Amino acid sequence: MSDTQPASPKSPQIKRESRAYFAALGKRVTQLRKSRGMTQAELARALGVSQQAVFAYEIGDRRISVLILERLARLFRLNIDQFLGFAPEPPVRKRRLSPRAMRHAERLQALSKTQQRFVVRIIDVLEGYNKR
């Protein structure tokens, strides 16, 4: 192969660049997930994939499809440029909980993990309902 010919699609350089890209994208997913206080299982449920798939995305072992990329951006309330780091993220407003909300949070913490998940799912359903 001469120096003027483009690299073949199976070039190790392309694979290395692709691997590096998906590893960096996976780190971004991890950072956003953790900043939102989500577990891999919760993110998987929100995306409609397995927890193992989320794990593979985060370590860069699995390519993130455009469909999943769009779901991730929407879930984290970012546009694609913000999600990919090409544009700055909007500032996250930190709000204090009202005394009433604090009481509810304390009551939620007193529940078993199973009961907590049930309550959170109800809230998620209601939140989705309110967005329509």
N, C-alpha and C. Protein backbone atom coordinates (compact mmCIF):
# COMPACT_ATOMS: atom_id res chain seq x y z
N MET A 1 0.86 -1.17 0.00
CA MET A 1 0.00 0.00 0.00
C MET A 1 0.90 1.22 0.00
N SER A 2 0.62 2.18 -0.90
CA SER A 2 1.45 3.37 -0.97
C SER A 2 1.04 4.38 0.09
N ASP A 3 1.90 5.39 0.28
CA ASP A 3 1.63 6.40 1.31
C ASP A 3 0.45 7.29 0.96
N THR A 4 0.05 7.33 -0.32
CA THR A 4 -1.05 8.21 -0.74
C THR A 4 -2.41 7.57 -0.62
N GLN A 5 -2.47 6.27 -0.43
CA GLN A 5 -3.76 5.59 -0.31
C GLN A 5 -4.31 5.75 1.11
N PRO A 6 -5.65 5.92 1.21
CA PRO A 6 -6.24 6.03 2.55
C PRO A 6 -6.13 4.70 3.29
N ALA A 7 -6.15 4.79 4.59
CA ALA A 7 -6.10 3.58 5.41
C ALA A 7 -7.34 2.74 5.18
N SER A 8 -7.18 1.45 5.25
CA SER A 8 -8.33 0.56 5.06
C SER A 8 -9.25 0.66 6.27
N PRO A 9 -10.55 0.30 6.09
CA PRO A 9 -11.50 0.37 7.20
C PRO A 9 -11.08 -0.50 8.40
N LYS A 10 -10.22 -1.49 8.17
CA LYS A 10 -9.81 -2.37 9.25
C LYS A 10 -8.48 -1.94 9.86
N SER A 11 -8.09 -0.71 9.57
CA SER A 11 -6.83 -0.19 10.08
C SER A 11 -6.81 -0.17 11.60
N PRO A 12 -5.70 -0.60 12.23
CA PRO A 12 -5.60 -0.55 13.69
C PRO A 12 -5.75 0.88 14.23
N GLN A 13 -5.28 1.88 13.45
CA GLN A 13 -5.39 3.27 13.88
C GLN A 13 -6.86 3.65 14.07
N ILE A 14 -7.72 3.28 13.15
CA ILE A 14 -9.15 3.58 13.25
C ILE A 14 -9.73 2.87 14.47
N LYS A 15 -9.39 1.63 14.67
CA LYS A 15 -9.89 0.90 15.83
C LYS A 15 -9.44 1.58 17.12
N ARG A 16 -8.17 2.01 17.16
CA ARG A 16 -7.64 2.66 18.35
C ARG A 16 -8.38 3.98 18.62
N GLU A 17 -8.62 4.76 17.56
CA GLU A 17 -9.36 6.02 17.70
C GLU A 17 -10.79 5.77 18.14
N SER A 18 -11.41 4.76 17.56
CA SER A 18 -12.78 4.41 17.92
C SER A 18 -12.86 3.98 19.38
N ARG A 19 -11.92 3.14 19.80
CA ARG A 19 -11.88 2.69 21.18
C ARG A 19 -11.72 3.87 22.13
N ALA A 20 -10.83 4.79 21.79
CA ALA A 20 -10.59 5.96 22.63
C ALA A 20 -11.83 6.85 22.68
N TYR A 21 -12.52 6.99 21.56
CA TYR A 21 -13.73 7.82 21.51
C TYR A 21 -14.81 7.23 22.42
N PHE A 22 -15.07 5.94 22.30
CA PHE A 22 -16.12 5.32 23.10
C PHE A 22 -15.74 5.22 24.58
N ALA A 23 -14.45 5.12 24.88
CA ALA A 23 -14.02 5.15 26.28
C ALA A 23 -14.28 6.54 26.87
N ALA A 24 -13.96 7.59 26.10
CA ALA A 24 -14.21 8.96 26.58
C ALA A 24 -15.71 9.22 26.71
N LEU A 25 -16.48 8.73 25.76
CA LEU A 25 -17.93 8.90 25.83
C LEU A 25 -18.50 8.16 27.04
N GLY A 26 -17.96 6.99 27.32
CA GLY A 26 -18.39 6.22 28.49
C GLY A 26 -18.09 6.95 29.79
N LYS A 27 -16.93 7.59 29.85
CA LYS A 27 -16.59 8.39 31.04
C LYS A 27 -17.57 9.53 31.21
N ARG A 28 -18.00 10.11 30.10
CA ARG A 28 -18.97 11.21 30.15
C ARG A 28 -20.31 10.69 30.70
N VAL A 29 -20.73 9.53 30.24
CA VAL A 29 -21.98 8.93 30.74
C VAL A 29 -21.86 8.68 32.24
N THR A 30 -20.74 8.12 32.67
CA THR A 30 -20.52 7.86 34.09
C THR A 30 -20.60 9.14 34.91
N GLN A 31 -19.92 10.18 34.42
CA GLN A 31 -19.89 11.46 35.13
C GLN A 31 -21.30 12.06 35.25
N LEU A 32 -22.06 12.04 34.16
CA LEU A 32 -23.42 12.59 34.19
C LEU A 32 -24.33 11.76 35.09
N ARG A 33 -24.20 10.44 35.00
CA ARG A 33 -25.04 9.55 35.82
C ARG A 33 -24.78 9.80 37.30
N LYS A 34 -23.51 9.84 37.68
CA LYS A 34 -23.16 10.04 39.08
C LYS A 34 -23.54 11.42 39.57
N SER A 35 -23.41 12.44 38.71
CA SER A 35 -23.78 13.80 39.12
C SER A 35 -25.27 13.91 39.38
N ARG A 36 -26.05 13.01 38.77
CA ARG A 36 -27.50 12.99 38.99
C ARG A 36 -27.90 12.02 40.09
N GLY A 37 -26.92 11.36 40.70
CA GLY A 37 -27.21 10.43 41.79
C GLY A 37 -27.90 9.16 41.33
N MET A 38 -27.63 8.72 40.11
CA MET A 38 -28.27 7.53 39.56
C MET A 38 -27.33 6.33 39.65
N THR A 39 -27.93 5.16 39.79
CA THR A 39 -27.16 3.92 39.70
C THR A 39 -27.17 3.46 38.25
N GLN A 40 -26.29 2.51 37.94
CA GLN A 40 -26.30 1.94 36.59
C GLN A 40 -27.64 1.27 36.30
N ALA A 41 -28.20 0.60 37.31
CA ALA A 41 -29.49 -0.08 37.13
C ALA A 41 -30.59 0.93 36.82
N GLU A 42 -30.59 2.07 37.51
CA GLU A 42 -31.61 3.10 37.26
C GLU A 42 -31.46 3.68 35.85
N LEU A 43 -30.23 3.92 35.44
CA LEU A 43 -29.99 4.44 34.10
C LEU A 43 -30.43 3.41 33.06
N ALA A 44 -30.11 2.16 33.30
CA ALA A 44 -30.50 1.10 32.38
C ALA A 44 -32.01 1.05 32.21
N ARG A 45 -32.73 1.13 33.32
CA ARG A 45 -34.20 1.12 33.28
C ARG A 45 -34.72 2.31 32.47
N ALA A 46 -34.14 3.47 32.69
CA ALA A 46 -34.59 4.68 31.98
C ALA A 46 -34.30 4.60 30.49
N LEU A 47 -33.24 3.90 30.11
CA LEU A 47 -32.87 3.77 28.69
C LEU A 47 -33.54 2.58 28.01
N GLY A 48 -34.04 1.64 28.82
CA GLY A 48 -34.62 0.43 28.24
C GLY A 48 -33.57 -0.57 27.80
N VAL A 49 -32.43 -0.59 28.52
CA VAL A 49 -31.37 -1.56 28.23
C VAL A 49 -31.02 -2.27 29.53
N SER A 50 -30.13 -3.25 29.45
CA SER A 50 -29.72 -3.97 30.65
C SER A 50 -28.66 -3.18 31.41
N GLN A 51 -28.51 -3.53 32.68
CA GLN A 51 -27.47 -2.90 33.50
C GLN A 51 -26.09 -3.26 32.93
N GLN A 52 -25.96 -4.45 32.39
CA GLN A 52 -24.70 -4.87 31.78
C GLN A 52 -24.36 -3.99 30.57
N ALA A 53 -25.39 -3.58 29.81
CA ALA A 53 -25.15 -2.70 28.66
C ALA A 53 -24.63 -1.35 29.13
N VAL A 54 -25.23 -0.80 30.19
CA VAL A 54 -24.78 0.48 30.73
C VAL A 54 -23.33 0.35 31.20
N PHE A 55 -23.01 -0.74 31.90
CA PHE A 55 -21.64 -0.98 32.34
C PHE A 55 -20.68 -0.98 31.14
N ALA A 56 -21.07 -1.69 30.07
CA ALA A 56 -20.23 -1.77 28.87
C ALA A 56 -20.09 -0.40 28.20
N TYR A 57 -21.17 0.41 28.17
CA TYR A 57 -21.07 1.77 27.63
C TYR A 57 -20.06 2.58 28.44
N GLU A 58 -20.16 2.48 29.75
CA GLU A 58 -19.34 3.32 30.63
C GLU A 58 -17.86 2.98 30.57
N ILE A 59 -17.52 1.75 30.31
CA ILE A 59 -16.10 1.40 30.22
C ILE A 59 -15.60 1.43 28.77
N GLY A 60 -16.49 1.74 27.84
CA GLY A 60 -16.10 1.87 26.45
C GLY A 60 -16.03 0.56 25.69
N ASP A 61 -16.59 -0.51 26.25
CA ASP A 61 -16.57 -1.81 25.58
C ASP A 61 -17.69 -1.97 24.55
N ARG A 62 -18.69 -1.11 24.63
CA ARG A 62 -19.82 -1.21 23.71
C ARG A 62 -20.05 0.16 23.08
N ARG A 63 -20.27 0.15 21.77
CA ARG A 63 -20.56 1.39 21.07
C ARG A 63 -21.96 1.88 21.47
N ILE A 64 -22.08 3.18 21.65
CA ILE A 64 -23.37 3.78 21.98
C ILE A 64 -24.03 4.20 20.68
N SER A 65 -25.18 3.62 20.39
CA SER A 65 -25.87 3.94 19.15
C SER A 65 -26.43 5.36 19.19
N VAL A 66 -26.77 5.88 18.05
CA VAL A 66 -27.35 7.22 17.96
C VAL A 66 -28.67 7.28 18.74
N LEU A 67 -29.45 6.22 18.69
CA LEU A 67 -30.71 6.16 19.41
C LEU A 67 -30.47 6.27 20.92
N ILE A 68 -29.51 5.51 21.43
CA ILE A 68 -29.20 5.56 22.86
C ILE A 68 -28.59 6.91 23.21
N LEU A 69 -27.77 7.45 22.32
CA LEU A 69 -27.17 8.77 22.55
C LEU A 69 -28.26 9.83 22.72
N GLU A 70 -29.28 9.77 21.88
CA GLU A 70 -30.39 10.72 21.98
C GLU A 70 -31.15 10.53 23.29
N ARG A 71 -31.39 9.29 23.67
CA ARG A 71 -32.08 9.02 24.94
C ARG A 71 -31.28 9.53 26.12
N LEU A 72 -29.96 9.33 26.08
CA LEU A 72 -29.11 9.81 27.16
C LEU A 72 -29.18 11.33 27.28
N ALA A 73 -29.05 12.01 26.15
CA ALA A 73 -29.09 13.48 26.17
C ALA A 73 -30.42 13.97 26.71
N ARG A 74 -31.51 13.37 26.27
CA ARG A 74 -32.83 13.78 26.74
C ARG A 74 -32.99 13.50 28.23
N LEU A 75 -32.52 12.34 28.66
CA LEU A 75 -32.62 11.95 30.07
C LEU A 75 -31.87 12.94 30.97
N PHE A 76 -30.70 13.37 30.53
CA PHE A 76 -29.90 14.30 31.32
C PHE A 76 -30.25 15.77 31.02
N ARG A 77 -31.29 15.96 30.23
CA ARG A 77 -31.79 17.30 29.88
C ARG A 77 -30.70 18.17 29.26
N LEU A 78 -30.01 17.58 28.27
CA LEU A 78 -28.97 18.28 27.54
C LEU A 78 -29.23 18.11 26.05
N ASN A 79 -28.77 19.07 25.24
CA ASN A 79 -28.82 18.80 23.81
C ASN A 79 -27.59 17.98 23.45
N ILE A 80 -27.54 17.48 22.24
CA ILE A 80 -26.45 16.57 21.85
C ILE A 80 -25.08 17.26 21.99
N ASP A 81 -24.98 18.52 21.58
CA ASP A 81 -23.70 19.25 21.70
C ASP A 81 -23.26 19.35 23.16
N GLN A 82 -24.20 19.64 24.04
CA GLN A 82 -23.86 19.71 25.47
C GLN A 82 -23.46 18.34 25.99
N PHE A 83 -24.19 17.31 25.58
CA PHE A 83 -23.90 15.96 26.04
C PHE A 83 -22.50 15.54 25.61
N LEU A 84 -22.14 15.84 24.36
CA LEU A 84 -20.84 15.43 23.84
C LEU A 84 -19.70 16.36 24.29
N GLY A 85 -20.06 17.45 24.97
CA GLY A 85 -19.03 18.36 25.47
C GLY A 85 -18.61 19.43 24.48
N PHE A 86 -19.37 19.60 23.38
CA PHE A 86 -19.04 20.64 22.39
C PHE A 86 -19.61 21.99 22.79
N ALA A 87 -20.56 21.99 23.69
CA ALA A 87 -21.17 23.24 24.18
C ALA A 87 -21.26 23.13 25.70
N PRO A 88 -21.20 24.26 26.38
CA PRO A 88 -21.26 24.21 27.85
C PRO A 88 -22.62 23.74 28.34
N GLU A 89 -22.60 23.01 29.44
CA GLU A 89 -23.85 22.58 30.07
C GLU A 89 -24.51 23.76 30.74
N PRO A 90 -25.83 23.75 30.78
CA PRO A 90 -26.49 24.81 31.55
C PRO A 90 -26.16 24.64 33.03
N PRO A 91 -26.06 25.72 33.77
CA PRO A 91 -25.72 25.57 35.19
C PRO A 91 -26.83 24.80 35.92
N VAL A 92 -26.41 23.94 36.81
CA VAL A 92 -27.37 23.16 37.60
C VAL A 92 -27.76 24.00 38.80
N ARG A 93 -29.04 24.28 38.89
CA ARG A 93 -29.53 25.07 40.02
C ARG A 93 -29.65 24.17 41.22
N LYS A 94 -28.99 24.58 42.28
CA LYS A 94 -29.11 23.82 43.52
C LYS A 94 -30.16 24.50 44.37
N ARG A 95 -31.20 23.77 44.64
CA ARG A 95 -32.29 24.32 45.45
C ARG A 95 -32.33 23.59 46.77
N ARG A 96 -32.70 24.32 47.78
CA ARG A 96 -32.89 23.70 49.08
C ARG A 96 -34.29 23.11 49.13
N LEU A 97 -34.40 22.03 49.84
CA LEU A 97 -35.71 21.43 50.02
C LEU A 97 -36.50 22.23 51.06
N SER A 98 -37.78 22.33 50.82
CA SER A 98 -38.64 22.97 51.79
C SER A 98 -38.74 22.07 53.02
N PRO A 99 -39.16 22.61 54.14
CA PRO A 99 -39.32 21.76 55.34
C PRO A 99 -40.25 20.57 55.07
N ARG A 100 -41.29 20.80 54.31
CA ARG A 100 -42.22 19.72 54.00
C ARG A 100 -41.53 18.63 53.17
N ALA A 101 -40.76 19.06 52.16
CA ALA A 101 -40.04 18.11 51.32
C ALA A 101 -39.00 17.35 52.14
N MET A 102 -38.38 18.02 53.09
CA MET A 102 -37.41 17.36 53.97
C MET A 102 -38.09 16.25 54.78
N ARG A 103 -39.28 16.54 55.28
CA ARG A 103 -40.02 15.52 56.04
C ARG A 103 -40.33 14.31 55.15
N HIS A 104 -40.74 14.59 53.90
CA HIS A 104 -41.04 13.49 52.98
C HIS A 104 -39.77 12.68 52.68
N ALA A 105 -38.64 13.36 52.50
CA ALA A 105 -37.38 12.68 52.23
C ALA A 105 -36.99 11.80 53.42
N GLU A 106 -37.18 12.29 54.61
CA GLU A 106 -36.87 11.50 55.81
C GLU A 106 -37.77 10.28 55.89
N ARG A 107 -39.04 10.46 55.56
CA ARG A 107 -39.97 9.33 55.57
C ARG A 107 -39.56 8.30 54.52
N LEU A 108 -39.13 8.78 53.36
CA LEU A 108 -38.70 7.89 52.28
C LEU A 108 -37.48 7.09 52.72
N GLN A 109 -36.55 7.74 53.38
CA GLN A 109 -35.35 7.05 53.85
C GLN A 109 -35.67 5.97 54.88
N ALA A 110 -36.73 6.15 55.62
CA ALA A 110 -37.11 5.17 56.64
C ALA A 110 -37.72 3.91 56.03
N LEU A 111 -38.12 3.96 54.77
CA LEU A 111 -38.70 2.79 54.10
C LEU A 111 -37.62 1.79 53.72
N SER A 112 -38.05 0.57 53.47
CA SER A 112 -37.11 -0.45 52.98
C SER A 112 -36.70 -0.08 51.55
N LYS A 113 -35.61 -0.65 51.07
CA LYS A 113 -35.13 -0.37 49.71
C LYS A 113 -36.20 -0.70 48.67
N THR A 114 -36.91 -1.78 48.86
CA THR A 114 -37.97 -2.17 47.93
C THR A 114 -39.08 -1.12 47.91
N GLN A 115 -39.48 -0.67 49.10
CA GLN A 115 -40.52 0.36 49.17
C GLN A 115 -40.02 1.67 48.57
N GLN A 116 -38.76 2.00 48.79
CA GLN A 116 -38.20 3.23 48.21
C GLN A 116 -38.25 3.17 46.68
N ARG A 117 -37.85 2.02 46.12
CA ARG A 117 -37.89 1.87 44.66
C ARG A 117 -39.31 2.02 44.13
N PHE A 118 -40.27 1.47 44.84
CA PHE A 118 -41.67 1.56 44.45
C PHE A 118 -42.12 3.03 44.42
N VAL A 119 -41.80 3.77 45.47
CA VAL A 119 -42.19 5.19 45.55
C VAL A 119 -41.50 5.98 44.43
N VAL A 120 -40.23 5.71 44.19
CA VAL A 120 -39.50 6.43 43.14
C VAL A 120 -40.10 6.13 41.77
N ARG A 121 -40.50 4.89 41.54
CA ARG A 121 -41.14 4.55 40.26
C ARG A 121 -42.45 5.32 40.09
N ILE A 122 -43.22 5.44 41.15
CA ILE A 122 -44.47 6.20 41.08
C ILE A 122 -44.16 7.65 40.72
N ILE A 123 -43.15 8.22 41.36
CA ILE A 123 -42.76 9.61 41.07
C ILE A 123 -42.31 9.73 39.61
N ASP A 124 -41.51 8.77 39.14
CA ASP A 124 -41.07 8.79 37.74
C ASP A 124 -42.24 8.76 36.77
N VAL A 125 -43.23 7.91 37.06
CA VAL A 125 -44.42 7.82 36.21
C VAL A 125 -45.16 9.15 36.21
N LEU A 126 -45.35 9.71 37.39
CA LEU A 126 -46.04 11.00 37.49
C LEU A 126 -45.27 12.12 36.79
N GLU A 127 -43.95 12.10 36.92
CA GLU A 127 -43.13 13.10 36.25
C GLU A 127 -43.27 12.98 34.73
N GLY A 128 -43.26 11.75 34.22
CA GLY A 128 -43.45 11.53 32.79
C GLY A 128 -44.83 11.96 32.34
N TYR A 129 -45.82 11.74 33.18
CA TYR A 129 -47.19 12.12 32.86
C TYR A 129 -47.29 13.65 32.77
N ASN A 130 -46.62 14.35 33.66
CA ASN A 130 -46.69 15.82 33.67
C ASN A 130 -45.96 16.45 32.50
N LYS A 131 -45.07 15.73 31.84
CA LYS A 131 -44.31 16.29 30.71
C LYS A 131 -45.12 16.24 29.42
N ARG A 132 -46.18 15.49 29.42
CA ARG A 132 -46.96 15.35 28.17
C ARG A 132 -47.80 16.54 27.89
